[in-house]
Protein backbone atom coordinates (compact mmCIF):
# COMPACT_ATOMS: atom_id res chain seq x y z
CA MET A 1 -5.61 20.23 -27.92
CA PRO A 2 -4.03 22.13 -24.97
CA GLU A 3 -7.38 22.23 -23.06
CA THR A 4 -7.72 18.44 -23.47
CA TYR A 5 -4.18 17.86 -22.18
CA LEU A 6 -4.66 20.18 -19.20
CA TRP A 7 -7.96 18.53 -18.28
CA LEU A 8 -6.50 14.99 -18.55
CA ALA A 9 -3.39 16.00 -16.58
CA SER A 10 -5.51 17.61 -13.84
CA PHE A 11 -7.82 14.57 -13.69
CA ALA A 12 -4.84 12.18 -13.52
CA GLN A 13 -3.09 14.18 -10.73
CA THR A 14 -6.27 14.49 -8.64
CA TRP A 15 -7.65 11.02 -8.98
CA GLY A 16 -4.24 9.39 -9.17
CA LEU A 17 -3.51 10.85 -5.78
CA VAL A 18 -6.76 9.57 -4.40
CA LEU A 19 -6.11 6.10 -5.85
CA PHE A 20 -2.59 5.90 -4.31
CA VAL A 21 -3.82 7.14 -0.92
CA ILE A 22 -6.53 4.45 -0.88
CA ALA A 23 -4.04 1.81 -2.03
CA PHE A 24 -1.62 2.86 0.75
CA ALA A 25 -4.37 2.70 3.36
CA LEU A 26 -5.39 -0.76 2.23
CA VAL A 27 -1.82 -2.04 2.41
CA VAL A 28 -1.35 -0.63 5.91
CA ALA A 29 -4.72 -2.04 7.05
CA TYR A 30 -3.74 -5.44 5.67
CA ALA A 31 -0.41 -5.36 7.49
CA PHE A 32 -2.04 -4.45 10.85
CA TRP A 33 -5.19 -6.52 10.53
CA PRO A 34 -5.33 -9.09 13.34
CA GLY A 35 -5.27 -12.69 12.44
CA LYS A 36 -3.62 -15.68 14.19
CA LYS A 37 -2.33 -17.36 11.07
CA ARG A 38 -0.82 -14.20 9.57
CA LYS A 39 0.48 -13.08 12.95
CA LYS A 40 2.49 -16.27 13.29
CA GLU A 41 3.82 -15.86 9.71
CA ILE A 42 4.74 -12.22 10.30
CA GLU A 43 6.51 -12.99 13.57
CA ASP A 44 8.45 -15.88 11.93
CA ALA A 45 9.49 -13.49 9.12
CA ALA A 46 10.54 -10.79 11.59
CA ASN A 47 12.74 -13.23 13.46
CA ILE A 48 14.65 -14.43 10.37
CA PRO A 49 17.61 -12.02 10.87
CA LEU A 50 17.95 -13.20 14.52
CA LYS A 51 18.21 -16.95 13.71
CA GLU A 52 21.58 -18.55 13.94
CA ASP A 53 22.98 -20.19 10.79
């Protein structure tokens, strides 16, 4: 039992880290990927705090 737990914990820690790093990279790539339609939407969202009521 302890060997199975240690193996599973090690596997989850290693591949969990890899999974989260890949997911983070994909989110960052999506945010900075060029696109005219999304660029306009992102700029509009960024200017929301500056709009007058």
